[in-house]
Amino acid sequence: MGRNTRKRRSSMANKAIAASAALALGGGGLIWANFYASAHESNNDGWSQNQTKAAAAQVATISCPDVGQKLTNVPQSARQGVATELANLDKQITEAYARLASTRQAQAGDSGFVQNAIVGPLKEKRAATIDRIRLDIQRVGGQFNTSLSQLSACTTQNAQTNAGETGDQQQDGGQNTGDQQQGGDQQNGDQQGGDQQGGDQQGGDQQNGGQQQGQGGNGPVAADFVDITKVQGNAQLGVGQNGLPANGNSGSRGTFTTKCGTNGNDNHNTDNVIVAPGVANGAHHLHDYVGNQNNDAFASDQELAGAGTSCQNQGDKSSYFWPVLRLQDGTQDFDQNNDGGGKEGNVGKILQPAQAQLKFVGNKKGNVVAMPTALRIITGDAKAFVNGNANANVNWSCTGFENKVQLETQYPICPQGSQVVRTTNFQSCWDGQNIDSANHRTHVAFAQADGSCANGFKAIPQLQVRLVYNVPAPKLENGTVVNPYAVDTFPENLHKPITDHNDFINFFSTNTMNKMVNCINTGKNCQ
């Protein structure tokens, strides 16, 4: 999809109205921007300024409670059926978001349209799906928490709210200490403040010649970026305690590095065998895969164990996967017309990492134990923008700045000669029994700051993934971003950087896993 351009407006009043209406852009921006232009330049539809103001108040996205995170006690025999229904909930939100994006004209003319035509029907669909989850659980003798039925209702977010925002905000014209900013960053001497709220300006419509922010129309926007050279240093990786390195100068200090390439063979799909097994396009965004070469939604543990691997060490058939990073420069990639790709707002040139470093480290408190075969770990939250950042685990930086600055809620603009870096430190405490859990989280946990594992959990090797990309630096011009880059997301999460996440399934051979544990516990650096 090419850039959306139109003539410059000469009227200051029109500029002000347009800037206000641009805030409504969050979802379906290309549709909204084109509609706005026709309505205001020609006024063929007889629109008044009051209608324009109503349009400016349009919601940007849909926020629905995450049912899956509340399901912590699902019987094993019910999990396949429950996973299918959870995937249906995601599909319903995606469809509702698409309708939100394509009905801007109707919304502007009817203040009740979103509630009556989109959010209300979505609630009914979700209620029926949650009830099927109840039946799946109760059919096999499980207990269903009836309060989950209250999670059917969704809310809407306008352009100046951010449901994923829980950190402190500040107005500092460019200082970012790891919390969300309010008022925008100063880029090249131009304040981007005013209409931006904590990295969530939904304006995507430059009025001075016309670069559409977000090639897919649902982000990113200018406030999602910051010049890293203007950011005050912060001390730690991760949101809160999430993602802190488990290793240190004591305990088990060795490392084990596995080299599995950078997905040069373009192994991609929009599935998620952990969260949505048996469901095609369960992720609604595209993943890079390295390591195991048979990972899709339908792969059994037996098939994964018998698959080929891109890792140099053939004893590592583990699966490592993360959402792709794209350059939104007008390029159309192979999935422009596919589910999970262009159909769901994930557009632009897919960027292959220049480096993909996979390293396992020890625990600063003591020794680690072997991970069990088929252990599944997901870290970060693909829906953090609408869920809140309780499960977020995000670290964006640039080469040469990694020890100084780690960003959570903004993408870095790196100086010339510096590369974009995504770093993920996984959970490194295991309950000692389960290779997965109903919500795919409670069987593992992050180590505490001193390295200890709470609740009787055992320390396991911590996977640290470091992805490095050659990304042309975006430019911020007059409150818009030119040629941005962004991580693939669920469409309603608007390509926010806080949604970055990473996945791992352990299929190291017993011998190779034992070698890893021995290297780490004896302080060696092995490959």
Protein backbone atom coordinates (compact mmCIF):
# COMPACT_ATOMS: atom_id res chain seq x y z
CA MET A 1 0.00 0.00 0.00
CA GLY A 2 1.45 3.32 -1.03
CA ARG A 3 1.59 6.52 0.90
CA ASN A 4 -1.61 8.48 1.25
CA THR A 5 -1.06 12.04 0.04
CA ARG A 6 -3.26 15.01 -0.70
CA LYS A 7 -3.07 18.74 -1.32
CA ARG A 8 -1.83 21.15 1.32
CA ARG A 9 -4.55 23.17 3.05
CA SER A 10 -4.09 26.93 3.07
CA SER A 11 -6.71 27.68 5.74
CA MET A 12 -5.45 27.73 9.31
CA ALA A 13 -8.93 26.73 10.46
CA ASN A 14 -8.88 23.68 8.23
CA LYS A 15 -5.46 22.76 9.55
CA ALA A 16 -6.69 22.90 13.11
CA ILE A 17 -9.78 20.85 12.31
CA ALA A 18 -7.72 18.33 10.39
CA ALA A 19 -5.23 17.95 13.22
CA SER A 20 -8.09 17.27 15.58
CA ALA A 21 -9.71 14.75 13.28
CA ALA A 22 -6.37 13.03 12.78
CA LEU A 23 -6.55 11.91 16.39
CA ALA A 24 -9.24 9.48 15.38
CA LEU A 25 -6.89 7.61 13.14
CA GLY A 26 -5.83 4.74 15.41
CA GLY A 27 -7.64 2.01 13.50
CA GLY A 28 -8.12 1.96 9.77
CA GLY A 29 -6.22 5.18 9.27
CA LEU A 30 -6.11 5.10 5.50
CA ILE A 31 -9.85 4.69 5.29
CA TRP A 32 -10.47 7.48 7.79
CA ALA A 33 -7.95 9.88 6.30
CA ASN A 34 -9.37 9.49 2.80
CA PHE A 35 -12.91 9.92 4.04
CA TYR A 36 -11.94 12.97 6.05
CA ALA A 37 -10.28 14.58 3.05
CA SER A 38 -13.32 14.16 0.82
CA ALA A 39 -15.71 15.38 3.48
CA HIS A 40 -13.77 18.55 4.23
CA GLU A 41 -12.19 19.61 1.03
CA SER A 42 -15.34 19.36 -1.03
CA ASN A 43 -17.94 19.37 1.75
CA ASN A 44 -20.05 17.29 -0.64
CA ASP A 45 -21.76 15.54 2.25
CA GLY A 46 -22.84 18.82 3.85
CA TRP A 47 -20.83 18.21 6.97
CA SER A 48 -20.82 20.83 9.71
CA GLN A 49 -17.97 21.64 12.07
CA ASN A 50 -19.94 19.97 14.85
CA GLN A 51 -19.90 16.74 12.87
CA THR A 52 -16.18 17.17 12.41
CA LYS A 53 -15.75 17.50 16.16
CA ALA A 54 -17.76 14.36 16.65
CA ALA A 55 -15.53 12.57 14.18
CA ALA A 56 -12.48 13.74 16.09
CA ALA A 57 -13.78 11.97 19.17
CA GLN A 58 -13.86 8.61 17.35
CA VAL A 59 -12.43 5.69 19.24
CA ALA A 60 -9.03 4.43 18.20
CA THR A 61 -9.23 0.79 19.23
CA ILE A 62 -11.15 -1.87 21.15
CA SER A 63 -10.05 -3.21 24.52
CA CYS A 64 -11.39 -6.57 25.71
CA PRO A 65 -10.52 -8.44 28.92
CA ASP A 66 -8.04 -11.25 28.31
CA VAL A 67 -9.98 -14.37 29.23
CA GLY A 68 -7.04 -16.68 28.68
CA GLN A 69 -4.96 -15.09 31.43
CA LYS A 70 -7.75 -15.78 33.94
CA LEU A 71 -7.95 -19.49 33.09
CA THR A 72 -5.43 -20.96 35.51
CA ASN A 73 -7.07 -24.32 36.25
CA VAL A 74 -8.20 -25.96 33.02
CA PRO A 75 -8.16 -29.79 32.97
CA GLN A 76 -5.70 -31.17 30.44
CA SER A 77 -8.41 -32.97 28.51
CA ALA A 78 -10.28 -29.68 28.02
CA ARG A 79 -7.35 -27.54 26.92
CA GLN A 80 -7.61 -28.20 23.19
CA GLY A 81 -11.24 -27.15 23.09
CA VAL A 82 -10.57 -24.15 25.33
CA ALA A 83 -7.64 -23.07 23.15
CA THR A 84 -9.89 -23.16 20.09
CA GLU A 85 -12.47 -20.97 21.81
CA LEU A 86 -9.82 -18.52 23.01
CA ALA A 87 -8.66 -18.22 19.41
CA ASN A 88 -12.28 -17.49 18.47
CA LEU A 89 -12.28 -14.63 20.98
CA ASP A 90 -9.21 -13.17 19.28
CA LYS A 91 -10.84 -13.57 15.88
CA GLN A 92 -13.96 -11.79 17.09
CA ILE A 93 -11.92 -8.81 18.33
CA THR A 94 -10.04 -8.68 15.02
CA GLU A 95 -13.30 -8.64 13.08
CA ALA A 96 -14.77 -5.96 15.35
CA TYR A 97 -11.64 -3.85 14.97
CA ALA A 98 -11.87 -4.16 11.17
CA ARG A 99 -15.46 -2.98 11.35
CA LEU A 100 -14.41 -0.09 13.57
CA ALA A 101 -11.83 0.90 10.96
CA SER A 102 -14.20 0.71 7.99
CA THR A 103 -17.20 2.59 9.38
CA ARG A 104 -15.78 6.00 10.25
CA GLN A 105 -18.42 7.87 8.25
CA ALA A 106 -21.26 6.08 10.00
CA GLN A 107 -19.62 6.66 13.38
CA ALA A 108 -19.30 10.39 12.74
CA GLY A 109 -22.99 10.67 11.93
CA ASP A 110 -24.27 8.54 14.80
CA SER A 111 -22.81 8.83 18.31
CA GLY A 112 -24.27 5.44 19.25
CA PHE A 113 -22.99 3.55 16.23
CA VAL A 114 -19.90 2.01 17.82
CA GLN A 115 -21.79 0.77 20.85
CA ASN A 116 -24.82 -0.47 18.96
CA ALA A 117 -23.23 -1.90 15.83
CA ILE A 118 -19.81 -3.04 17.04
CA VAL A 119 -19.29 -3.29 20.81
CA GLY A 120 -22.75 -4.62 21.63
CA PRO A 121 -22.71 -7.47 19.09
CA LEU A 122 -19.12 -8.25 20.10
CA LYS A 123 -20.23 -8.70 23.71
CA GLU A 124 -22.93 -11.16 22.62
CA LYS A 125 -20.46 -13.20 20.58
CA ARG A 126 -17.94 -13.23 23.43
CA ALA A 127 -20.58 -14.28 25.94
CA ALA A 128 -21.51 -17.27 23.80
CA THR A 129 -17.85 -18.22 23.37
CA ILE A 130 -17.09 -17.93 27.08
CA ASP A 131 -20.09 -20.15 27.76
CA ARG A 132 -18.66 -22.77 25.40
CA ILE A 133 -15.42 -22.58 27.40
CA ARG A 134 -17.49 -23.22 30.53
CA LEU A 135 -19.05 -26.28 28.91
CA ASP A 136 -15.65 -27.58 27.74
CA ILE A 137 -14.31 -27.38 31.31
CA GLN A 138 -17.37 -28.70 33.12
CA ARG A 139 -17.85 -31.55 30.63
CA VAL A 140 -14.65 -33.17 31.90
CA GLY A 141 -15.35 -32.49 35.55
CA GLY A 142 -13.46 -29.22 35.91
CA GLN A 143 -14.51 -26.17 37.87
CA PHE A 144 -15.44 -22.99 36.04
CA ASN A 145 -15.24 -19.63 37.76
CA THR A 146 -18.58 -18.05 36.91
CA SER A 147 -17.11 -14.56 37.31
CA LEU A 148 -15.35 -15.13 33.98
CA SER A 149 -18.71 -14.65 32.29
CA GLN A 150 -18.42 -10.97 33.20
CA LEU A 151 -15.43 -10.66 30.87
CA SER A 152 -17.61 -10.60 27.75
CA ALA A 153 -17.98 -6.82 27.72
CA CYS A 154 -15.37 -4.75 25.88
CA THR A 155 -14.58 -1.08 26.02
CA THR A 156 -13.32 1.42 23.48
CA GLN A 157 -10.32 3.71 23.68
CA ASN A 158 -10.17 7.12 22.11
CA ALA A 159 -7.01 8.67 20.78
CA GLN A 160 -5.93 10.12 24.10
CA THR A 161 -6.10 7.08 26.34
CA ASN A 162 -3.85 4.09 26.71
CA ALA A 163 -5.13 1.06 28.59
CA GLY A 164 -1.62 -0.34 28.68
CA GLU A 165 -0.23 2.65 30.49
CA THR A 166 0.54 2.09 34.16
CA GLY A 167 3.90 3.78 34.62
CA ASP A 168 4.63 7.32 35.71
CA GLN A 169 4.32 10.01 33.11
CA GLN A 170 6.37 13.11 32.66
CA GLN A 171 6.55 16.15 30.45
CA ASP A 172 10.17 16.62 29.62
CA GLY A 173 10.48 17.24 25.91
CA GLY A 174 12.66 14.22 25.32
CA GLN A 175 13.68 12.73 28.66
CA ASN A 176 12.59 9.14 29.06
CA THR A 177 13.55 7.17 32.13
CA GLY A 178 11.78 3.99 31.11
CA ASP A 179 8.28 5.22 31.94
CA GLN A 180 5.68 6.46 29.51
CA GLN A 181 6.04 10.04 28.34
CA GLN A 182 3.37 12.67 28.08
CA GLY A 183 3.77 15.53 25.73
CA GLY A 184 6.01 13.90 23.14
CA ASP A 185 9.71 14.09 22.44
CA GLN A 186 11.67 16.94 21.01
CA GLN A 187 13.07 15.84 17.68
CA ASN A 188 15.31 18.13 15.64
CA GLY A 189 14.11 21.06 17.72
CA ASP A 190 10.42 20.49 16.97
CA GLN A 191 8.12 19.78 19.93
CA GLN A 192 5.79 16.91 19.14
CA GLY A 193 3.62 17.61 22.21
CA GLY A 194 0.13 18.94 22.44
CA ASP A 195 -2.00 16.17 21.03
CA GLN A 196 0.17 13.26 22.13
CA GLN A 197 -0.56 11.30 25.25
CA GLY A 198 2.05 8.89 26.54
CA GLY A 199 3.16 7.58 23.21
CA ASP A 200 -0.41 7.14 22.04
CA GLN A 201 -1.20 9.89 19.58
CA GLN A 202 -3.44 8.32 17.02
CA GLY A 203 -2.93 11.13 14.56
CA GLY A 204 -1.51 9.72 11.42
CA ASP A 205 -2.28 12.40 8.93
CA GLN A 206 0.30 15.01 8.10
CA GLN A 207 -1.36 18.12 6.73
CA ASN A 208 1.72 19.51 4.99
CA GLY A 209 2.03 17.33 1.99
CA GLY A 210 0.96 14.11 3.40
CA GLN A 211 2.88 11.19 4.90
CA GLN A 212 0.36 8.77 6.33
CA GLN A 213 1.60 7.50 9.68
CA GLY A 214 1.47 3.75 9.78
CA GLN A 215 1.42 2.15 6.35
CA GLY A 216 -1.42 -0.13 7.45
CA GLY A 217 -3.36 2.71 8.99
CA ASN A 218 -3.18 1.42 12.57
CA GLY A 219 0.19 2.75 13.67
CA PRO A 220 2.86 3.32 14.57
CA VAL A 221 2.71 7.09 15.10
CA ALA A 222 5.30 9.75 15.83
CA ALA A 223 4.98 9.50 19.60
CA ASP A 224 5.94 5.81 19.40
CA PHE A 225 9.52 6.88 18.56
CA VAL A 226 12.30 8.66 20.42
CA ASP A 227 15.79 9.78 19.48
CA ILE A 228 17.86 7.58 21.77
CA THR A 229 20.63 10.17 22.00
CA LYS A 230 18.17 12.44 23.85
CA VAL A 231 17.03 9.85 26.39
CA GLN A 232 18.30 9.90 29.94
CA GLY A 233 19.97 6.63 30.89
CA ASN A 234 18.05 4.07 32.88
CA ALA A 235 19.57 1.37 35.05
CA GLN A 236 17.72 -1.89 34.45
CA LEU A 237 16.27 -4.06 31.75
CA GLY A 238 12.62 -4.95 31.80
CA VAL A 239 9.28 -3.61 33.02
CA GLY A 240 9.37 -3.85 36.83
CA GLN A 241 10.97 -7.15 37.80
CA ASN A 242 10.05 -8.76 34.48
CA GLY A 243 13.01 -9.70 32.37
CA LEU A 244 15.83 -8.95 34.78
CA PRO A 245 18.99 -10.95 34.05
CA ALA A 246 19.09 -13.91 36.43
CA ASN A 247 22.88 -14.21 36.40
CA GLY A 248 25.50 -12.13 38.15
CA ASN A 249 28.89 -12.35 39.83
CA SER A 250 27.93 -15.24 42.09
CA GLY A 251 26.10 -18.53 41.90
CA SER A 252 26.17 -20.32 38.55
CA ARG A 253 28.12 -18.02 36.26
CA GLY A 254 28.64 -20.05 33.10
CA THR A 255 26.92 -19.65 29.74
CA PHE A 256 25.75 -21.82 26.87
CA THR A 257 25.31 -20.24 23.44
CA THR A 258 23.44 -21.91 20.60
CA LYS A 259 23.77 -20.63 17.04
CA CYS A 260 20.58 -21.10 15.04
CA GLY A 261 20.82 -18.44 12.33
CA THR A 262 18.63 -15.44 11.58
CA ASN A 263 15.79 -17.13 9.67
CA GLY A 264 17.51 -16.69 6.34
CA ASN A 265 15.28 -19.42 4.91
CA ASP A 266 12.16 -17.31 5.65
CA ASN A 267 10.45 -19.75 7.99
CA HIS A 268 7.33 -17.76 8.85
CA ASN A 269 3.74 -18.33 9.85
CA THR A 270 0.95 -16.57 11.75
CA ASP A 271 0.28 -19.51 14.08
CA ASN A 272 1.10 -19.97 17.75
CA VAL A 273 1.41 -23.60 18.76
CA ILE A 274 1.72 -22.64 22.45
CA VAL A 275 -1.26 -20.33 22.89
CA ALA A 276 -3.48 -21.52 20.03
CA PRO A 277 -2.60 -25.13 19.13
CA GLY A 278 -4.60 -26.51 16.24
CA VAL A 279 -5.73 -23.06 15.08
CA ALA A 280 -4.49 -21.55 11.84
CA ASN A 281 -3.59 -17.83 12.14
CA GLY A 282 -3.93 -18.03 15.91
CA ALA A 283 -1.41 -15.22 16.35
CA HIS A 284 -2.93 -12.75 13.85
CA HIS A 285 0.62 -11.57 13.12
CA LEU A 286 3.70 -13.08 11.51
CA HIS A 287 6.46 -14.88 13.42
CA ASP A 288 10.12 -15.48 12.64
CA TYR A 289 11.24 -19.02 13.52
CA VAL A 290 14.76 -20.27 14.15
CA GLY A 291 15.77 -23.65 15.47
CA ASN A 292 12.97 -26.15 14.97
CA GLN A 293 11.80 -26.20 11.36
CA ASN A 294 8.45 -27.92 11.85
CA ASN A 295 6.74 -25.39 14.11
CA ASP A 296 3.19 -24.55 13.15
CA ALA A 297 -0.13 -24.67 14.95
CA PHE A 298 -0.61 -28.37 14.24
CA ALA A 299 2.81 -29.71 15.26
CA SER A 300 2.74 -32.35 18.01
CA ASP A 301 5.57 -32.78 20.50
CA GLN A 302 6.55 -35.94 18.64
CA GLU A 303 6.75 -34.05 15.36
CA LEU A 304 8.75 -31.25 16.94
CA ALA A 305 11.17 -33.76 18.49
CA GLY A 306 11.72 -35.39 15.11
CA ALA A 307 12.04 -32.22 13.06
CA GLY A 308 15.10 -30.66 11.49
CA THR A 309 16.79 -27.67 13.07
CA SER A 310 18.59 -24.57 11.84
CA CYS A 311 20.90 -24.74 14.86
CA GLN A 312 24.54 -25.66 14.30
CA ASN A 313 24.36 -27.97 17.31
CA GLN A 314 21.99 -30.68 16.11
CA GLY A 315 21.27 -31.50 19.73
CA ASP A 316 19.18 -28.33 19.82
CA LYS A 317 15.83 -28.79 18.12
CA SER A 318 14.20 -26.17 20.30
CA SER A 319 11.82 -23.67 18.77
CA TYR A 320 12.58 -19.96 19.13
CA PHE A 321 10.08 -17.51 17.66
CA TRP A 322 9.14 -13.84 17.84
CA PRO A 323 7.01 -11.35 15.84
CA VAL A 324 8.73 -10.00 12.75
CA LEU A 325 9.96 -6.43 12.52
CA ARG A 326 8.88 -4.51 9.42
CA LEU A 327 10.00 -1.35 7.67
CA GLN A 328 6.92 0.60 6.61
CA ASP A 329 8.43 2.35 3.60
CA GLY A 330 5.63 1.62 1.12
CA THR A 331 6.96 -1.86 0.32
CA GLN A 332 4.53 -4.75 -0.02
CA ASP A 333 5.85 -8.08 1.23
CA PHE A 334 4.63 -11.57 0.33
CA ASP A 335 1.78 -11.50 2.89
CA GLN A 336 0.26 -8.18 1.83
CA ASN A 337 -3.08 -9.86 1.08
CA ASN A 338 -2.92 -12.60 3.71
CA ASP A 339 -4.52 -13.19 7.10
CA GLY A 340 -2.12 -12.08 9.79
CA GLY A 341 -0.38 -9.85 7.25
CA GLY A 342 -1.83 -6.98 5.27
CA LYS A 343 -5.41 -8.04 5.97
CA GLU A 344 -4.78 -7.32 9.64
CA GLY A 345 -2.65 -4.20 9.32
CA ASN A 346 0.76 -5.88 9.39
CA VAL A 347 2.38 -4.42 6.30
CA GLY A 348 5.75 -3.40 4.95
CA LYS A 349 9.11 -5.01 4.30
CA ILE A 350 9.99 -7.84 6.68
CA LEU A 351 13.42 -7.22 8.17
CA GLN A 352 15.68 -10.21 8.74
CA PRO A 353 17.83 -9.78 11.85
CA ALA A 354 21.48 -9.04 11.20
CA GLN A 355 22.20 -11.05 14.35
CA ALA A 356 20.13 -13.42 16.49
CA GLN A 357 22.03 -14.30 19.65
CA LEU A 358 20.58 -17.11 21.78
CA LYS A 359 22.36 -17.52 25.10
CA PHE A 360 21.48 -19.44 28.27
CA VAL A 361 22.88 -18.14 31.56
CA GLY A 362 22.86 -19.20 35.21
CA ASN A 363 21.44 -17.95 38.46
CA LYS A 364 23.16 -15.53 40.85
CA LYS A 365 21.84 -17.45 43.87
CA GLY A 366 23.03 -20.95 43.01
CA ASN A 367 23.00 -23.83 40.54
CA VAL A 368 20.41 -24.45 37.86
CA VAL A 369 18.60 -27.68 36.99
CA ALA A 370 17.81 -29.07 33.56
CA MET A 371 14.71 -27.89 31.74
CA PRO A 372 12.26 -30.69 30.93
CA THR A 373 11.68 -31.67 27.32
CA ALA A 374 8.85 -29.73 25.65
CA LEU A 375 8.86 -27.00 28.31
CA ARG A 376 7.00 -24.01 26.89
CA ILE A 377 7.73 -20.43 27.87
CA ILE A 378 6.11 -17.29 26.52
CA THR A 379 7.43 -13.96 27.71
CA GLY A 380 6.08 -10.49 27.14
CA ASP A 381 2.49 -9.79 26.14
CA ALA A 382 1.35 -9.41 22.54
CA LYS A 383 -1.71 -7.54 23.84
CA ALA A 384 0.04 -5.32 26.39
CA PHE A 385 -1.31 -2.11 24.89
CA VAL A 386 -4.89 -3.07 25.78
CA ASN A 387 -4.10 -5.53 28.60
CA GLY A 388 -1.81 -3.27 30.62
CA ASN A 389 1.85 -4.06 31.16
CA ALA A 390 1.66 -6.60 34.01
CA ASN A 391 3.08 -9.29 31.71
CA ALA A 392 5.09 -6.97 29.47
CA ASN A 393 8.78 -7.78 29.01
CA VAL A 394 10.22 -5.28 26.57
CA ASN A 395 13.70 -3.90 25.94
CA TRP A 396 14.40 -1.74 22.88
CA SER A 397 17.77 -0.06 22.41
CA CYS A 398 20.57 0.67 19.93
CA THR A 399 24.04 -0.77 19.62
CA GLY A 400 26.39 1.39 21.64
CA PHE A 401 23.58 2.37 24.03
CA GLU A 402 22.51 -0.97 25.53
CA ASN A 403 24.26 -0.41 28.85
CA LYS A 404 22.75 3.07 29.15
CA VAL A 405 19.22 3.04 27.77
CA GLN A 406 16.49 0.44 27.49
CA LEU A 407 13.09 1.54 26.19
CA GLU A 408 9.74 -0.07 26.90
CA THR A 409 7.06 2.17 25.44
CA GLN A 410 8.89 3.68 22.47
CA TYR A 411 10.95 2.50 19.52
CA PRO A 412 14.46 3.96 19.36
CA ILE A 413 15.69 6.17 16.55
CA CYS A 414 19.35 5.18 16.39
CA PRO A 415 22.18 7.47 15.25
CA GLN A 416 24.12 6.75 12.08
CA GLY A 417 26.21 3.60 12.41
CA SER A 418 24.07 2.22 15.24
CA GLN A 419 21.59 -0.68 14.92
CA VAL A 420 18.23 -1.36 16.55
CA VAL A 421 18.33 -4.01 19.30
CA ARG A 422 15.52 -6.09 20.84
CA THR A 423 16.57 -7.94 24.02
CA THR A 424 14.48 -10.49 25.90
CA ASN A 425 15.38 -12.22 29.17
CA PHE A 426 13.05 -15.14 29.82
CA GLN A 427 11.53 -16.50 33.01
CA SER A 428 14.11 -18.67 34.78
CA CYS A 429 12.17 -20.30 37.63
CA TRP A 430 10.14 -23.49 37.01
CA ASP A 431 7.54 -25.19 39.21
CA GLY A 432 9.40 -28.51 38.88
CA GLN A 433 6.38 -30.39 37.50
CA ASN A 434 4.64 -28.92 34.47
CA ILE A 435 5.84 -28.20 30.94
CA ASP A 436 2.90 -25.81 30.40
CA SER A 437 -0.03 -24.33 32.28
CA ALA A 438 -3.56 -23.34 31.38
CA ASN A 439 -2.64 -19.68 30.86
CA HIS A 440 0.88 -20.61 29.66
CA ARG A 441 2.48 -18.54 32.42
CA THR A 442 2.00 -19.90 35.94
CA HIS A 443 4.33 -22.92 35.55
CA VAL A 444 7.31 -20.56 35.20
CA ALA A 445 8.26 -17.27 36.85
CA PHE A 446 10.89 -14.59 36.81
CA ALA A 447 13.65 -14.81 39.37
CA GLN A 448 13.54 -12.23 42.13
CA ALA A 449 16.11 -9.44 42.17
CA ASP A 450 18.55 -11.51 44.24
CA GLY A 451 18.17 -14.45 41.88
CA SER A 452 16.05 -16.58 44.20
CA CYS A 453 12.95 -18.42 43.00
CA ALA A 454 9.79 -17.97 45.07
CA ASN A 455 7.10 -20.53 45.94
CA GLY A 456 9.42 -23.51 45.84
CA PHE A 457 10.23 -23.06 42.15
CA LYS A 458 13.58 -24.28 40.81
CA ALA A 459 16.17 -22.22 38.95
CA ILE A 460 16.62 -23.25 35.31
CA PRO A 461 18.94 -21.78 32.65
CA GLN A 462 17.70 -18.36 31.60
CA LEU A 463 17.30 -17.86 27.85
CA GLN A 464 18.48 -14.44 26.70
CA VAL A 465 17.58 -13.47 23.13
CA ARG A 466 19.27 -10.48 21.50
CA LEU A 467 18.09 -9.47 18.02
CA VAL A 468 19.99 -6.82 16.06
CA TYR A 469 18.58 -5.09 12.96
CA ASN A 470 19.84 -2.75 10.28
CA VAL A 471 16.96 -0.26 10.20
CA PRO A 472 16.99 3.03 8.28
CA ALA A 473 16.28 5.69 10.91
CA PRO A 474 12.71 7.04 10.74
CA LYS A 475 12.25 10.80 10.55
CA LEU A 476 9.86 12.89 12.61
CA GLU A 477 8.43 15.76 10.62
CA ASN A 478 5.69 18.11 11.74
CA GLY A 479 4.23 15.63 14.20
CA THR A 480 4.31 12.63 11.89
CA VAL A 481 6.76 9.79 11.34
CA VAL A 482 8.23 9.09 7.91
CA ASN A 483 9.26 5.52 7.04
CA PRO A 484 8.65 4.05 10.49
CA TYR A 485 9.42 0.51 11.56
CA ALA A 486 7.27 -1.59 13.86
CA VAL A 487 6.83 -5.03 15.34
CA ASP A 488 3.87 -7.09 14.09
CA THR A 489 0.88 -7.04 16.45
CA PHE A 490 -2.71 -8.05 16.90
CA PRO A 491 -4.49 -5.32 14.90
CA GLU A 492 -6.19 -3.66 17.88
CA ASN A 493 -2.82 -3.18 19.61
CA LEU A 494 -1.76 -0.58 17.02
CA HIS A 495 1.87 -1.73 16.61
CA LYS A 496 2.88 -0.38 20.00
CA PRO A 497 6.44 -1.31 21.06
CA ILE A 498 5.19 -2.49 24.48
CA THR A 499 3.60 -5.50 22.70
CA ASP A 500 6.91 -7.14 21.78
CA HIS A 501 7.15 -10.74 22.98
CA ASN A 502 9.12 -13.95 22.54
CA ASP A 503 8.45 -17.70 22.68
CA PHE A 504 10.49 -20.83 23.38
CA ILE A 505 9.84 -24.57 23.38
CA ASN A 506 12.65 -26.74 24.73
CA PHE A 507 13.71 -29.63 22.53
CA PHE A 508 17.35 -29.96 23.51
CA SER A 509 18.51 -33.54 23.59
CA THR A 510 19.13 -34.94 27.07
CA ASN A 511 22.89 -35.00 26.47
CA THR A 512 23.00 -31.42 25.21
CA MET A 513 20.82 -30.14 28.05
CA ASN A 514 23.05 -31.88 30.57
CA LYS A 515 26.08 -30.28 28.94
CA MET A 516 24.40 -26.87 29.19
CA VAL A 517 23.65 -27.30 32.90
CA ASN A 518 27.17 -28.52 33.63
CA CYS A 519 28.75 -25.60 31.75
CA ILE A 520 26.60 -23.06 33.56
CA ASN A 521 27.07 -24.56 37.01
CA THR A 522 30.85 -24.90 36.64
CA GLY A 523 31.36 -21.39 35.28
CA LYS A 524 32.32 -22.36 31.73
CA ASN A 525 31.34 -20.62 28.50
CA CYS A 526 30.19 -23.29 26.08
CA GLN A 527 28.58 -23.65 22.66
